[in-house]
């Protein structure tokens, strides 16, 4: 199966660099609406046969133009929502809270999946819920599925489940709003990242880690 992981369009909380992860969350900015409207053309070459979105409003609004263009229903699933910020909810993503949020997430693909976000989920819990939705999509037996999800969740899942990238690769490559990661594979056979925001991926990358607003972590106040 070809799996497209699409980050949602811009939200007011993205503009303000806030750790905004709770359901239902904000809608899209005017720019976010334009980004969503551009998705059908951006994905014109993809034969998408099923379309999923998370329980957060921003993903459903992002998926709506694509659903209309392709005549698809949007399947809403909680499992592909953003990693819950827990006690860090609505704090500044460029503060110590932002550092803690991303450091916790980046520890999970490295193997520390029992580590828990302060007041939130463990890595094992996040990966299990995301895996369940991907498995459901794979069971449809179609060629290409798009999941409209969230930046941190996509980077986490891809780095934990794809065999050709690692967390260093994902940490160095924050996703823009409506950025797309394309994978190929199956839950049984594993996954390979084919492209990351349009760039072909053929080996693991290396680079500095980045914060929840797409800025390098060395620009975030560290504890």
C-alpha atoms as a PDB file:
ATOM      1  CA  UNK A   1       0.000   0.000   0.000  1.00  0.00           C
ATOM      2  CA  UNK A   2       1.039   3.550  -0.685  1.00  0.00           C
ATOM      3  CA  UNK A   3       0.448   5.657   2.440  1.00  0.00           C
ATOM      4  CA  UNK A   4       0.328   9.456   2.367  1.00  0.00           C
ATOM      5  CA  UNK A   5       0.708  11.174   5.731  1.00  0.00           C
ATOM      6  CA  UNK A   6      -0.432  14.779   5.342  1.00  0.00           C
ATOM      7  CA  UNK A   7      -0.028  17.478   7.962  1.00  0.00           C
ATOM      8  CA  UNK A   8      -3.045  19.759   8.418  1.00  0.00           C
ATOM      9  CA  UNK A   9      -3.212  23.378   7.221  1.00  0.00           C
ATOM     10  CA  UNK A  10      -2.104  26.334   9.325  1.00  0.00           C
ATOM     11  CA  UNK A  11      -4.024  27.162  12.518  1.00  0.00           C
ATOM     12  CA  UNK A  12      -3.976  30.234  14.779  1.00  0.00           C
ATOM     13  CA  UNK A  13      -2.044  28.194  17.341  1.00  0.00           C
ATOM     14  CA  UNK A  14       0.635  27.429  14.725  1.00  0.00           C
ATOM     15  CA  UNK A  15       1.033  31.167  14.191  1.00  0.00           C
ATOM     16  CA  UNK A  16       1.382  31.739  17.950  1.00  0.00           C
ATOM     17  CA  UNK A  17       3.685  28.680  18.438  1.00  0.00           C
ATOM     18  CA  UNK A  18       1.409  27.070  21.032  1.00  0.00           C
ATOM     19  CA  UNK A  19       1.315  23.413  22.069  1.00  0.00           C
ATOM     20  CA  UNK A  20      -2.346  23.031  21.086  1.00  0.00           C
ATOM     21  CA  UNK A  21      -3.209  19.323  20.958  1.00  0.00           C
ATOM     22  CA  UNK A  22      -6.609  18.900  22.647  1.00  0.00           C
ATOM     23  CA  UNK A  23      -9.768  17.826  20.821  1.00  0.00           C
ATOM     24  CA  UNK A  24     -11.508  19.488  18.993  1.00  0.00           C
ATOM     25  CA  UNK A  25      -8.873  22.235  18.632  1.00  0.00           C
ATOM     26  CA  UNK A  26      -8.951  25.344  16.433  1.00  0.00           C
ATOM     27  CA  UNK A  27      -9.925  25.695  12.810  1.00  0.00           C
ATOM     28  CA  UNK A  28      -7.715  26.960  10.013  1.00  0.00           C
ATOM     29  CA  UNK A  29      -6.378  30.424   9.330  1.00  0.00           C
ATOM     30  CA  UNK A  30      -7.070  32.057   5.967  1.00  0.00           C
ATOM     31  CA  UNK A  31      -3.694  30.732   4.827  1.00  0.00           C
ATOM     32  CA  UNK A  32      -4.605  27.280   6.150  1.00  0.00           C
ATOM     33  CA  UNK A  33      -7.789  27.330   4.097  1.00  0.00           C
ATOM     34  CA  UNK A  34      -5.786  28.182   0.983  1.00  0.00           C
ATOM     35  CA  UNK A  35      -3.342  25.383   1.775  1.00  0.00           C
ATOM     36  CA  UNK A  36      -6.223  22.921   2.087  1.00  0.00           C
ATOM     37  CA  UNK A  37      -7.740  24.160  -1.171  1.00  0.00           C
ATOM     38  CA  UNK A  38      -4.411  23.538  -2.912  1.00  0.00           C
ATOM     39  CA  UNK A  39      -4.146  19.897  -1.782  1.00  0.00           C
ATOM     40  CA  UNK A  40      -6.218  18.349  -4.615  1.00  0.00           C
ATOM     41  CA  UNK A  41      -3.881  19.848  -7.212  1.00  0.00           C
ATOM     42  CA  UNK A  42      -0.765  19.034  -5.184  1.00  0.00           C
ATOM     43  CA  UNK A  43      -1.840  15.385  -4.965  1.00  0.00           C
ATOM     44  CA  UNK A  44      -3.256  15.156  -8.481  1.00  0.00           C
ATOM     45  CA  UNK A  45      -0.869  12.343  -9.412  1.00  0.00           C
ATOM     46  CA  UNK A  46      -1.875  10.212  -6.426  1.00  0.00           C
ATOM     47  CA  UNK A  47      -4.681   7.675  -6.955  1.00  0.00           C
ATOM     48  CA  UNK A  48      -6.137   8.118  -3.479  1.00  0.00           C
ATOM     49  CA  UNK A  49      -8.873   5.571  -2.748  1.00  0.00           C
ATOM     50  CA  UNK A  50      -9.493   6.238   0.952  1.00  0.00           C
ATOM     51  CA  UNK A  51      -9.123   9.364   3.076  1.00  0.00           C
ATOM     52  CA  UNK A  52      -8.780   9.591   6.845  1.00  0.00           C
ATOM     53  CA  UNK A  53      -8.616  12.543   9.248  1.00  0.00           C
ATOM     54  CA  UNK A  54      -8.168  12.844  12.988  1.00  0.00           C
ATOM     55  CA  UNK A  55     -10.765  13.970  15.521  1.00  0.00           C
ATOM     56  CA  UNK A  56      -9.267  17.473  15.531  1.00  0.00           C
ATOM     57  CA  UNK A  57     -11.217  19.937  13.413  1.00  0.00           C
ATOM     58  CA  UNK A  58      -8.163  21.209  11.572  1.00  0.00           C
ATOM     59  CA  UNK A  59      -7.496  17.887   9.883  1.00  0.00           C
ATOM     60  CA  UNK A  60     -11.085  17.476   8.772  1.00  0.00           C
ATOM     61  CA  UNK A  61     -11.148  20.992   7.308  1.00  0.00           C
ATOM     62  CA  UNK A  62      -7.864  20.255   5.536  1.00  0.00           C
ATOM     63  CA  UNK A  63      -9.201  16.994   4.113  1.00  0.00           C
ATOM     64  CA  UNK A  64     -12.516  18.468   2.935  1.00  0.00           C
ATOM     65  CA  UNK A  65     -11.378  19.921  -0.435  1.00  0.00           C
ATOM     66  CA  UNK A  66      -9.548  16.691  -1.278  1.00  0.00           C
ATOM     67  CA  UNK A  67     -12.596  14.627  -0.332  1.00  0.00           C
ATOM     68  CA  UNK A  68     -14.834  16.786  -2.520  1.00  0.00           C
ATOM     69  CA  UNK A  69     -12.450  16.626  -5.473  1.00  0.00           C
ATOM     70  CA  UNK A  70     -12.128  12.831  -5.303  1.00  0.00           C
ATOM     71  CA  UNK A  71     -15.689  11.979  -4.259  1.00  0.00           C
ATOM     72  CA  UNK A  72     -14.452  10.366  -1.045  1.00  0.00           C
ATOM     73  CA  UNK A  73     -15.891  10.235   2.460  1.00  0.00           C
ATOM     74  CA  UNK A  74     -13.617  11.401   5.269  1.00  0.00           C
ATOM     75  CA  UNK A  75     -13.120   8.616   7.796  1.00  0.00           C
ATOM     76  CA  UNK A  76     -12.544  10.257  11.196  1.00  0.00           C
ATOM     77  CA  UNK A  77     -10.379   8.351  13.662  1.00  0.00           C
ATOM     78  CA  UNK A  78      -9.002   9.429  17.046  1.00  0.00           C
ATOM     79  CA  UNK A  79      -5.924   7.259  16.629  1.00  0.00           C
ATOM     80  CA  UNK A  80      -4.170   9.675  14.260  1.00  0.00           C
ATOM     81  CA  UNK A  81      -4.662  12.805  16.362  1.00  0.00           C
ATOM     82  CA  UNK A  82      -1.683  14.806  17.603  1.00  0.00           C
ATOM     83  CA  UNK A  83       0.491  13.596  20.486  1.00  0.00           C
ATOM     84  CA  UNK A  84      -1.225  14.979  23.577  1.00  0.00           C
ATOM     85  CA  UNK A  85       0.767  17.699  25.322  1.00  0.00           C
ATOM     86  CA  UNK A  86      -0.766  16.777  28.690  1.00  0.00           C
ATOM     87  CA  UNK A  87       0.343  19.251  31.350  1.00  0.00           C
ATOM     88  CA  UNK A  88       2.117  21.285  28.639  1.00  0.00           C
ATOM     89  CA  UNK A  89      -1.100  22.052  26.751  1.00  0.00           C
ATOM     90  CA  UNK A  90      -1.289  25.599  25.332  1.00  0.00           C
ATOM     91  CA  UNK A  91       2.193  26.518  26.572  1.00  0.00           C
ATOM     92  CA  UNK A  92       4.740  28.285  24.374  1.00  0.00           C
ATOM     93  CA  UNK A  93       6.402  25.870  21.958  1.00  0.00           C
ATOM     94  CA  UNK A  94       9.583  27.968  22.076  1.00  0.00           C
ATOM     95  CA  UNK A  95       9.914  27.634  25.840  1.00  0.00           C
ATOM     96  CA  UNK A  96      11.177  24.884  28.137  1.00  0.00           C
ATOM     97  CA  UNK A  97       7.757  23.263  27.615  1.00  0.00           C
ATOM     98  CA  UNK A  98       8.439  22.952  23.901  1.00  0.00           C
ATOM     99  CA  UNK A  99      11.810  21.390  24.583  1.00  0.00           C
ATOM    100  CA  UNK A 100      10.234  18.851  26.954  1.00  0.00           C
ATOM    101  CA  UNK A 101       7.475  17.994  24.473  1.00  0.00           C
ATOM    102  CA  UNK A 102       9.799  17.238  21.578  1.00  0.00           C
ATOM    103  CA  UNK A 103      12.512  15.572  23.664  1.00  0.00           C
ATOM    104  CA  UNK A 104       9.879  13.196  25.048  1.00  0.00           C
ATOM    105  CA  UNK A 105       8.541  12.370  21.585  1.00  0.00           C
ATOM    106  CA  UNK A 106      12.011  11.865  20.143  1.00  0.00           C
ATOM    107  CA  UNK A 107      12.863   9.436  22.956  1.00  0.00           C
ATOM    108  CA  UNK A 108      10.110   7.063  21.854  1.00  0.00           C
ATOM    109  CA  UNK A 109      11.468   5.894  18.465  1.00  0.00           C
ATOM    110  CA  UNK A 110      14.836   5.470  20.176  1.00  0.00           C
ATOM    111  CA  UNK A 111      13.240   2.759  22.315  1.00  0.00           C
ATOM    112  CA  UNK A 112      12.011   4.480  25.473  1.00  0.00           C
ATOM    113  CA  UNK A 113       8.332   3.965  24.647  1.00  0.00           C
ATOM    114  CA  UNK A 114       7.276   3.703  28.298  1.00  0.00           C
ATOM    115  CA  UNK A 115       8.356   7.297  28.917  1.00  0.00           C
ATOM    116  CA  UNK A 116       5.256   9.409  29.451  1.00  0.00           C
ATOM    117  CA  UNK A 117       4.539  12.968  28.379  1.00  0.00           C
ATOM    118  CA  UNK A 118       4.024  14.991  31.595  1.00  0.00           C
ATOM    119  CA  UNK A 119       0.345  14.462  32.343  1.00  0.00           C
ATOM    120  CA  UNK A 120      -0.141  12.734  28.991  1.00  0.00           C
ATOM    121  CA  UNK A 121       0.454   9.613  26.942  1.00  0.00           C
ATOM    122  CA  UNK A 122       3.331   7.175  26.740  1.00  0.00           C
ATOM    123  CA  UNK A 123       5.052   6.418  23.470  1.00  0.00           C
ATOM    124  CA  UNK A 124       3.616   2.904  23.490  1.00  0.00           C
ATOM    125  CA  UNK A 125       0.093   4.313  23.741  1.00  0.00           C
ATOM    126  CA  UNK A 126       0.575   6.837  20.934  1.00  0.00           C
ATOM    127  CA  UNK A 127       2.151   4.322  18.569  1.00  0.00           C
ATOM    128  CA  UNK A 128      -0.525   1.713  19.320  1.00  0.00           C
ATOM    129  CA  UNK A 129      -3.394   4.043  18.474  1.00  0.00           C
ATOM    130  CA  UNK A 130      -1.689   5.248  15.281  1.00  0.00           C
ATOM    131  CA  UNK A 131      -0.809   1.678  14.281  1.00  0.00           C
ATOM    132  CA  UNK A 132      -4.463   0.671  14.663  1.00  0.00           C
ATOM    133  CA  UNK A 133      -5.657   3.254  12.140  1.00  0.00           C
ATOM    134  CA  UNK A 134      -2.905   2.385   9.657  1.00  0.00           C
ATOM    135  CA  UNK A 135      -3.826  -1.303  10.015  1.00  0.00           C
ATOM    136  CA  UNK A 136      -7.489  -0.470   9.397  1.00  0.00           C
ATOM    137  CA  UNK A 137      -6.550   1.453   6.266  1.00  0.00           C
ATOM    138  CA  UNK A 138      -4.307  -1.363   5.034  1.00  0.00           C
ATOM    139  CA  UNK A 139      -7.112  -3.874   5.543  1.00  0.00           C
ATOM    140  CA  UNK A 140      -9.193  -2.025   2.946  1.00  0.00           C
ATOM    141  CA  UNK A 141      -7.003  -3.600   0.289  1.00  0.00           C
ATOM    142  CA  UNK A 142      -6.714  -0.429  -1.787  1.00  0.00           C
ATOM    143  CA  UNK A 143      -3.599   0.924  -3.444  1.00  0.00           C
ATOM    144  CA  UNK A 144      -3.272   4.400  -1.896  1.00  0.00           C
ATOM    145  CA  UNK A 145      -4.609   5.881   1.331  1.00  0.00           C
ATOM    146  CA  UNK A 146      -4.180   9.420   2.667  1.00  0.00           C
ATOM    147  CA  UNK A 147      -4.185  10.172   6.395  1.00  0.00           C
ATOM    148  CA  UNK A 148      -4.522  13.858   7.291  1.00  0.00           C
ATOM    149  CA  UNK A 149      -2.798  14.046  10.653  1.00  0.00           C
ATOM    150  CA  UNK A 150      -0.368  16.181  12.667  1.00  0.00           C
ATOM    151  CA  UNK A 151       3.283  17.165  12.493  1.00  0.00           C
ATOM    152  CA  UNK A 152       4.702  15.571  15.630  1.00  0.00           C
ATOM    153  CA  UNK A 153       2.581  12.437  15.286  1.00  0.00           C
ATOM    154  CA  UNK A 154       3.620  11.919  11.661  1.00  0.00           C
ATOM    155  CA  UNK A 155       7.314  12.403  12.408  1.00  0.00           C
ATOM    156  CA  UNK A 156       7.083  10.046  15.386  1.00  0.00           C
ATOM    157  CA  UNK A 157       5.236   7.265  13.581  1.00  0.00           C
ATOM    158  CA  UNK A 158       7.308   7.430  10.413  1.00  0.00           C
ATOM    159  CA  UNK A 159      10.612   7.337  12.285  1.00  0.00           C
ATOM    160  CA  UNK A 160       9.427   4.501  14.535  1.00  0.00           C
ATOM    161  CA  UNK A 161       7.936   2.326  11.795  1.00  0.00           C
ATOM    162  CA  UNK A 162       9.894   2.979   8.580  1.00  0.00           C
ATOM    163  CA  UNK A 163      13.061   0.932   8.172  1.00  0.00           C
ATOM    164  CA  UNK A 164      14.991   3.490   6.120  1.00  0.00           C
ATOM    165  CA  UNK A 165      14.823   6.548   8.404  1.00  0.00           C
ATOM    166  CA  UNK A 166      15.486   7.115  12.088  1.00  0.00           C
ATOM    167  CA  UNK A 167      14.572   9.737  14.652  1.00  0.00           C
ATOM    168  CA  UNK A 168      17.574  11.904  13.753  1.00  0.00           C
ATOM    169  CA  UNK A 169      16.215  12.135  10.216  1.00  0.00           C
ATOM    170  CA  UNK A 170      12.690  13.061  11.343  1.00  0.00           C
ATOM    171  CA  UNK A 171      13.880  15.418  14.070  1.00  0.00           C
ATOM    172  CA  UNK A 172      15.865  17.434  11.556  1.00  0.00           C
ATOM    173  CA  UNK A 173      12.924  17.737   9.167  1.00  0.00           C
ATOM    174  CA  UNK A 174       9.854  19.466  10.607  1.00  0.00           C
ATOM    175  CA  UNK A 175       6.818  19.319   8.368  1.00  0.00           C
ATOM    176  CA  UNK A 176       5.296  22.449   6.902  1.00  0.00           C
ATOM    177  CA  UNK A 177       1.526  22.776   7.019  1.00  0.00           C
ATOM    178  CA  UNK A 178       0.084  20.371   4.398  1.00  0.00           C
ATOM    179  CA  UNK A 179       3.515  18.791   4.025  1.00  0.00           C
ATOM    180  CA  UNK A 180       3.329  15.166   2.859  1.00  0.00           C
ATOM    181  CA  UNK A 181       5.346  12.074   3.786  1.00  0.00           C
ATOM    182  CA  UNK A 182       4.885   9.194   1.344  1.00  0.00           C
ATOM    183  CA  UNK A 183       5.491   5.614   2.503  1.00  0.00           C
ATOM    184  CA  UNK A 184       5.105   2.214   0.912  1.00  0.00           C
ATOM    185  CA  UNK A 185       4.600  -1.131   2.604  1.00  0.00           C
ATOM    186  CA  UNK A 186       2.221  -2.859   4.978  1.00  0.00           C
ATOM    187  CA  UNK A 187       1.823  -3.553   8.707  1.00  0.00           C
ATOM    188  CA  UNK A 188       3.036  -7.107   8.117  1.00  0.00           C
ATOM    189  CA  UNK A 189       6.040  -6.376   5.910  1.00  0.00           C
ATOM    190  CA  UNK A 190       7.072  -2.990   7.295  1.00  0.00           C
ATOM    191  CA  UNK A 191       7.332   0.464   5.764  1.00  0.00           C
ATOM    192  CA  UNK A 192       9.758   2.487   3.711  1.00  0.00           C
ATOM    193  CA  UNK A 193       9.648   6.266   3.327  1.00  0.00           C
ATOM    194  CA  UNK A 194       9.696   7.137  -0.370  1.00  0.00           C
ATOM    195  CA  UNK A 195       9.613  10.919  -0.057  1.00  0.00           C
ATOM    196  CA  UNK A 196       9.545  13.592   2.624  1.00  0.00           C
ATOM    197  CA  UNK A 197       7.876  16.819   1.521  1.00  0.00           C
ATOM    198  CA  UNK A 198       8.757  16.065  -2.081  1.00  0.00           C
ATOM    199  CA  UNK A 199      12.378  15.077  -1.468  1.00  0.00           C
ATOM    200  CA  UNK A 200      13.208  11.486  -2.411  1.00  0.00           C
ATOM    201  CA  UNK A 201      14.440   9.438   0.562  1.00  0.00           C
ATOM    202  CA  UNK A 202      16.906   6.628  -0.035  1.00  0.00           C
ATOM    203  CA  UNK A 203      18.883   6.550   3.212  1.00  0.00           C
ATOM    204  CA  UNK A 204      18.746   7.864   6.777  1.00  0.00           C
ATOM    205  CA  UNK A 205      19.506  11.562   7.158  1.00  0.00           C
ATOM    206  CA  UNK A 206      21.308  13.401   9.929  1.00  0.00           C
ATOM    207  CA  UNK A 207      20.796  16.913  11.281  1.00  0.00           C
ATOM    208  CA  UNK A 208      19.952  19.051  14.311  1.00  0.00           C
ATOM    209  CA  UNK A 209      16.750  18.328  16.186  1.00  0.00           C
ATOM    210  CA  UNK A 210      13.922  20.803  15.762  1.00  0.00           C
ATOM    211  CA  UNK A 211      11.241  22.134  18.049  1.00  0.00           C
ATOM    212  CA  UNK A 212       7.449  21.887  17.857  1.00  0.00           C
ATOM    213  CA  UNK A 213       7.150  25.080  15.819  1.00  0.00           C
ATOM    214  CA  UNK A 214       9.767  24.012  13.287  1.00  0.00           C
ATOM    215  CA  UNK A 215      12.665  25.911  14.850  1.00  0.00           C
ATOM    216  CA  UNK A 216      15.942  24.230  15.885  1.00  0.00           C
ATOM    217  CA  UNK A 217      15.880  23.061  19.482  1.00  0.00           C
ATOM    218  CA  UNK A 218      18.971  25.134  20.244  1.00  0.00           C
ATOM    219  CA  UNK A 219      16.716  28.171  19.802  1.00  0.00           C
ATOM    220  CA  UNK A 220      14.360  26.863  22.497  1.00  0.00           C
ATOM    221  CA  UNK A 221      15.111  27.629  26.129  1.00  0.00           C
ATOM    222  CA  UNK A 222      16.504  24.441  27.604  1.00  0.00           C
ATOM    223  CA  UNK A 223      15.966  23.271  31.170  1.00  0.00           C
END
